[in-house]
N, C-alpha and C. Protein backbone atom coordinates (compact mmCIF):
# COMPACT_ATOMS: atom_id res chain seq x y z
N UNK A 1 102.38 -83.29 -15.36
CA UNK A 1 101.52 -82.60 -16.30
C UNK A 1 102.37 -82.18 -17.51
N UNK A 2 101.85 -82.42 -18.69
CA UNK A 2 102.64 -82.07 -19.88
C UNK A 2 102.44 -80.60 -20.25
N UNK A 3 103.31 -80.12 -21.08
CA UNK A 3 103.33 -78.70 -21.45
C UNK A 3 102.06 -78.28 -22.18
N UNK A 4 101.49 -79.21 -22.98
CA UNK A 4 100.27 -78.89 -23.72
C UNK A 4 99.09 -78.64 -22.79
N UNK A 5 98.95 -79.46 -21.75
CA UNK A 5 97.84 -79.25 -20.82
C UNK A 5 98.06 -78.00 -19.97
N UNK A 6 99.31 -77.69 -19.66
CA UNK A 6 99.59 -76.45 -18.92
C UNK A 6 99.21 -75.23 -19.75
N UNK A 7 99.52 -75.26 -21.02
CA UNK A 7 99.17 -74.16 -21.92
C UNK A 7 97.66 -74.01 -22.01
N UNK A 8 96.94 -75.14 -22.12
CA UNK A 8 95.47 -75.09 -22.18
C UNK A 8 94.89 -74.50 -20.90
N UNK A 9 95.45 -74.87 -19.76
CA UNK A 9 94.99 -74.31 -18.48
C UNK A 9 95.22 -72.81 -18.41
N UNK A 10 96.38 -72.37 -18.87
CA UNK A 10 96.69 -70.94 -18.87
C UNK A 10 95.74 -70.20 -19.81
N UNK A 11 95.48 -70.76 -20.97
CA UNK A 11 94.57 -70.14 -21.92
C UNK A 11 93.16 -70.05 -21.35
N UNK A 12 92.72 -71.11 -20.68
CA UNK A 12 91.39 -71.10 -20.05
C UNK A 12 91.32 -70.04 -18.95
N UNK A 13 92.34 -69.94 -18.14
CA UNK A 13 92.38 -68.93 -17.10
C UNK A 13 92.35 -67.53 -17.71
N UNK A 14 93.10 -67.34 -18.78
CA UNK A 14 93.11 -66.03 -19.45
C UNK A 14 91.73 -65.68 -20.00
N UNK A 15 91.01 -66.66 -20.53
CA UNK A 15 89.65 -66.41 -21.02
C UNK A 15 88.73 -65.98 -19.88
N UNK A 16 88.85 -66.64 -18.72
CA UNK A 16 88.03 -66.28 -17.56
C UNK A 16 88.36 -64.88 -17.07
N UNK A 17 89.64 -64.55 -17.03
CA UNK A 17 90.07 -63.22 -16.57
C UNK A 17 89.55 -62.15 -17.53
N UNK A 18 89.66 -62.38 -18.82
CA UNK A 18 89.17 -61.42 -19.82
C UNK A 18 87.67 -61.24 -19.71
N UNK A 19 86.94 -62.32 -19.48
CA UNK A 19 85.49 -62.24 -19.31
C UNK A 19 85.14 -61.43 -18.06
N UNK A 20 85.85 -61.68 -16.98
CA UNK A 20 85.62 -60.91 -15.74
C UNK A 20 85.89 -59.43 -15.95
N UNK A 21 86.97 -59.11 -16.67
CA UNK A 21 87.29 -57.70 -16.94
C UNK A 21 86.21 -57.06 -17.80
N UNK A 22 85.76 -57.77 -18.82
CA UNK A 22 84.72 -57.25 -19.70
C UNK A 22 83.42 -57.01 -18.93
N UNK A 23 83.08 -57.93 -18.01
CA UNK A 23 81.88 -57.78 -17.20
C UNK A 23 81.96 -56.54 -16.32
N UNK A 24 83.12 -56.29 -15.73
CA UNK A 24 83.29 -55.17 -14.81
C UNK A 24 83.01 -53.83 -15.47
N UNK A 25 83.29 -53.70 -16.76
CA UNK A 25 83.10 -52.41 -17.44
C UNK A 25 81.89 -52.42 -18.37
N UNK A 26 81.11 -53.49 -18.37
CA UNK A 26 79.99 -53.60 -19.31
C UNK A 26 78.82 -52.70 -18.92
N UNK A 27 78.13 -52.24 -19.95
CA UNK A 27 76.92 -51.45 -19.71
C UNK A 27 75.80 -52.31 -19.16
N UNK A 28 75.80 -53.60 -19.47
CA UNK A 28 74.79 -54.51 -18.91
C UNK A 28 74.88 -54.50 -17.39
N UNK A 29 76.08 -54.61 -16.86
CA UNK A 29 76.28 -54.60 -15.41
C UNK A 29 75.88 -53.26 -14.81
N UNK A 30 76.31 -52.17 -15.45
CA UNK A 30 75.99 -50.83 -14.93
C UNK A 30 74.48 -50.58 -14.90
N UNK A 31 73.81 -50.93 -15.98
CA UNK A 31 72.36 -50.71 -16.04
C UNK A 31 71.65 -51.58 -15.01
N UNK A 32 72.07 -52.82 -14.87
CA UNK A 32 71.45 -53.72 -13.90
C UNK A 32 71.59 -53.17 -12.48
N UNK A 33 72.80 -52.75 -12.12
CA UNK A 33 73.02 -52.22 -10.77
C UNK A 33 72.22 -50.93 -10.57
N UNK A 34 72.18 -50.06 -11.57
CA UNK A 34 71.40 -48.83 -11.47
C UNK A 34 69.91 -49.14 -11.30
N UNK A 35 69.42 -50.11 -12.05
CA UNK A 35 68.01 -50.49 -11.96
C UNK A 35 67.68 -51.05 -10.58
N UNK A 36 68.53 -51.93 -10.08
CA UNK A 36 68.31 -52.50 -8.75
C UNK A 36 68.38 -51.39 -7.69
N UNK A 37 69.33 -50.48 -7.83
CA UNK A 37 69.45 -49.36 -6.89
C UNK A 37 68.17 -48.52 -6.91
N UNK A 38 67.67 -48.22 -8.11
CA UNK A 38 66.45 -47.44 -8.26
C UNK A 38 65.27 -48.14 -7.60
N UNK A 39 65.13 -49.44 -7.86
CA UNK A 39 63.99 -50.18 -7.30
C UNK A 39 64.07 -50.27 -5.77
N UNK A 40 65.24 -50.57 -5.24
CA UNK A 40 65.38 -50.67 -3.79
C UNK A 40 65.11 -49.32 -3.13
N UNK A 41 65.69 -48.25 -3.69
CA UNK A 41 65.46 -46.92 -3.12
C UNK A 41 63.98 -46.54 -3.24
N UNK A 42 63.37 -46.85 -4.38
CA UNK A 42 61.96 -46.53 -4.57
C UNK A 42 61.06 -47.27 -3.60
N UNK A 43 61.30 -48.54 -3.43
CA UNK A 43 60.50 -49.33 -2.49
C UNK A 43 60.67 -48.79 -1.07
N UNK A 44 61.91 -48.50 -0.69
CA UNK A 44 62.17 -47.95 0.64
C UNK A 44 61.42 -46.63 0.84
N UNK A 45 61.49 -45.76 -0.14
CA UNK A 45 60.83 -44.45 -0.03
C UNK A 45 59.31 -44.59 0.01
N UNK A 46 58.76 -45.53 -0.74
CA UNK A 46 57.32 -45.79 -0.66
C UNK A 46 56.97 -46.33 0.71
N UNK A 47 57.78 -47.24 1.22
CA UNK A 47 57.52 -47.86 2.51
C UNK A 47 57.51 -46.85 3.65
N UNK A 48 58.41 -45.87 3.58
CA UNK A 48 58.44 -44.85 4.64
C UNK A 48 57.50 -43.68 4.31
N UNK A 49 56.76 -43.82 3.24
CA UNK A 49 55.75 -42.84 2.82
C UNK A 49 56.34 -41.45 2.55
N UNK A 50 57.44 -41.43 1.85
CA UNK A 50 58.06 -40.17 1.46
C UNK A 50 57.34 -39.61 0.23
N UNK A 51 57.40 -38.31 0.07
CA UNK A 51 56.78 -37.67 -1.10
C UNK A 51 57.63 -37.93 -2.34
N UNK A 52 56.98 -38.19 -3.45
CA UNK A 52 57.63 -38.42 -4.75
C UNK A 52 58.72 -39.50 -4.68
N UNK A 53 58.39 -40.67 -4.19
CA UNK A 53 59.43 -41.68 -3.98
C UNK A 53 60.14 -42.11 -5.25
N UNK A 54 59.43 -42.29 -6.35
CA UNK A 54 60.06 -42.80 -7.56
C UNK A 54 60.92 -41.74 -8.23
N UNK A 55 60.58 -40.49 -8.05
CA UNK A 55 61.44 -39.42 -8.55
C UNK A 55 62.72 -39.34 -7.71
N UNK A 56 62.57 -39.41 -6.41
CA UNK A 56 63.72 -39.33 -5.51
C UNK A 56 64.62 -40.57 -5.63
N UNK A 57 64.05 -41.69 -5.98
CA UNK A 57 64.84 -42.92 -6.14
C UNK A 57 65.79 -42.81 -7.32
N UNK A 58 65.51 -41.89 -8.21
CA UNK A 58 66.37 -41.69 -9.37
C UNK A 58 67.74 -41.13 -8.97
N UNK A 59 67.81 -40.39 -7.87
CA UNK A 59 69.05 -39.73 -7.46
C UNK A 59 70.19 -40.73 -7.21
N UNK A 60 70.02 -41.75 -6.34
CA UNK A 60 71.14 -42.67 -6.14
C UNK A 60 71.48 -43.49 -7.38
N UNK A 61 70.48 -43.83 -8.17
CA UNK A 61 70.75 -44.60 -9.38
C UNK A 61 71.55 -43.76 -10.38
N UNK A 62 71.17 -42.51 -10.55
CA UNK A 62 71.91 -41.62 -11.45
C UNK A 62 73.32 -41.36 -10.91
N UNK A 63 73.42 -41.21 -9.60
CA UNK A 63 74.74 -41.01 -8.99
C UNK A 63 75.66 -42.18 -9.25
N UNK A 64 75.13 -43.38 -9.17
CA UNK A 64 75.94 -44.57 -9.46
C UNK A 64 76.43 -44.55 -10.90
N UNK A 65 75.52 -44.31 -11.84
CA UNK A 65 75.91 -44.31 -13.26
C UNK A 65 76.94 -43.22 -13.52
N UNK A 66 76.73 -42.04 -12.98
CA UNK A 66 77.71 -40.96 -13.18
C UNK A 66 79.07 -41.31 -12.59
N UNK A 67 79.06 -41.97 -11.45
CA UNK A 67 80.34 -42.34 -10.84
C UNK A 67 81.07 -43.37 -11.70
N UNK A 68 80.34 -44.27 -12.35
CA UNK A 68 81.01 -45.25 -13.21
C UNK A 68 81.56 -44.60 -14.47
N UNK A 69 80.93 -43.51 -14.90
CA UNK A 69 81.43 -42.82 -16.08
C UNK A 69 82.73 -42.09 -15.79
N UNK A 70 82.91 -41.66 -14.55
CA UNK A 70 84.13 -40.94 -14.20
C UNK A 70 85.30 -41.88 -13.91
N UNK A 71 85.03 -43.15 -13.64
CA UNK A 71 86.10 -44.07 -13.28
C UNK A 71 87.17 -44.25 -14.36
N UNK A 72 86.82 -44.37 -15.64
CA UNK A 72 87.88 -44.50 -16.65
C UNK A 72 88.82 -43.29 -16.67
N UNK A 73 88.27 -42.11 -16.48
CA UNK A 73 89.08 -40.89 -16.46
C UNK A 73 90.02 -40.92 -15.26
N UNK A 74 89.48 -41.28 -14.09
CA UNK A 74 90.30 -41.36 -12.89
C UNK A 74 91.37 -42.44 -13.02
N UNK A 75 91.02 -43.57 -13.63
CA UNK A 75 91.97 -44.67 -13.80
C UNK A 75 93.13 -44.23 -14.69
N UNK A 76 92.81 -43.52 -15.78
CA UNK A 76 93.85 -43.05 -16.68
C UNK A 76 94.77 -42.07 -15.95
N UNK A 77 94.19 -41.14 -15.20
CA UNK A 77 94.98 -40.17 -14.43
C UNK A 77 95.86 -40.90 -13.41
N UNK A 78 95.28 -41.85 -12.70
CA UNK A 78 96.01 -42.60 -11.69
C UNK A 78 97.16 -43.39 -12.34
N UNK A 79 96.91 -44.00 -13.49
CA UNK A 79 97.93 -44.78 -14.18
C UNK A 79 99.11 -43.91 -14.60
N UNK A 80 98.83 -42.72 -15.09
CA UNK A 80 99.92 -41.82 -15.45
C UNK A 80 100.72 -41.41 -14.21
N UNK A 81 100.02 -41.15 -13.13
CA UNK A 81 100.67 -40.73 -11.89
C UNK A 81 101.55 -41.85 -11.33
N UNK A 82 101.06 -43.08 -11.38
CA UNK A 82 101.78 -44.23 -10.82
C UNK A 82 102.97 -44.62 -11.69
N UNK A 83 102.90 -44.37 -12.98
CA UNK A 83 103.99 -44.81 -13.87
C UNK A 83 105.16 -43.85 -13.87
N UNK A 84 105.02 -42.70 -13.25
CA UNK A 84 106.14 -41.74 -13.21
C UNK A 84 106.95 -41.88 -11.95
């Protein structure tokens, strides 16, 4: 394999890695997971005939979103702790 094709392969891999990283922190992903969480919880609560199912389904979805908001703060704290 020549050096030019190796460089192209590395560049392609880097593009895939960057795309994966961007997806992990994207609001599209967060909103989608929160929406699916809300719908699954809501359907489950309706199925078991709980009171106010769609209001109660908001709790796990909101918890997920709040937990993702705290992750950058925790990551920064962890990074400082690990680098010392």
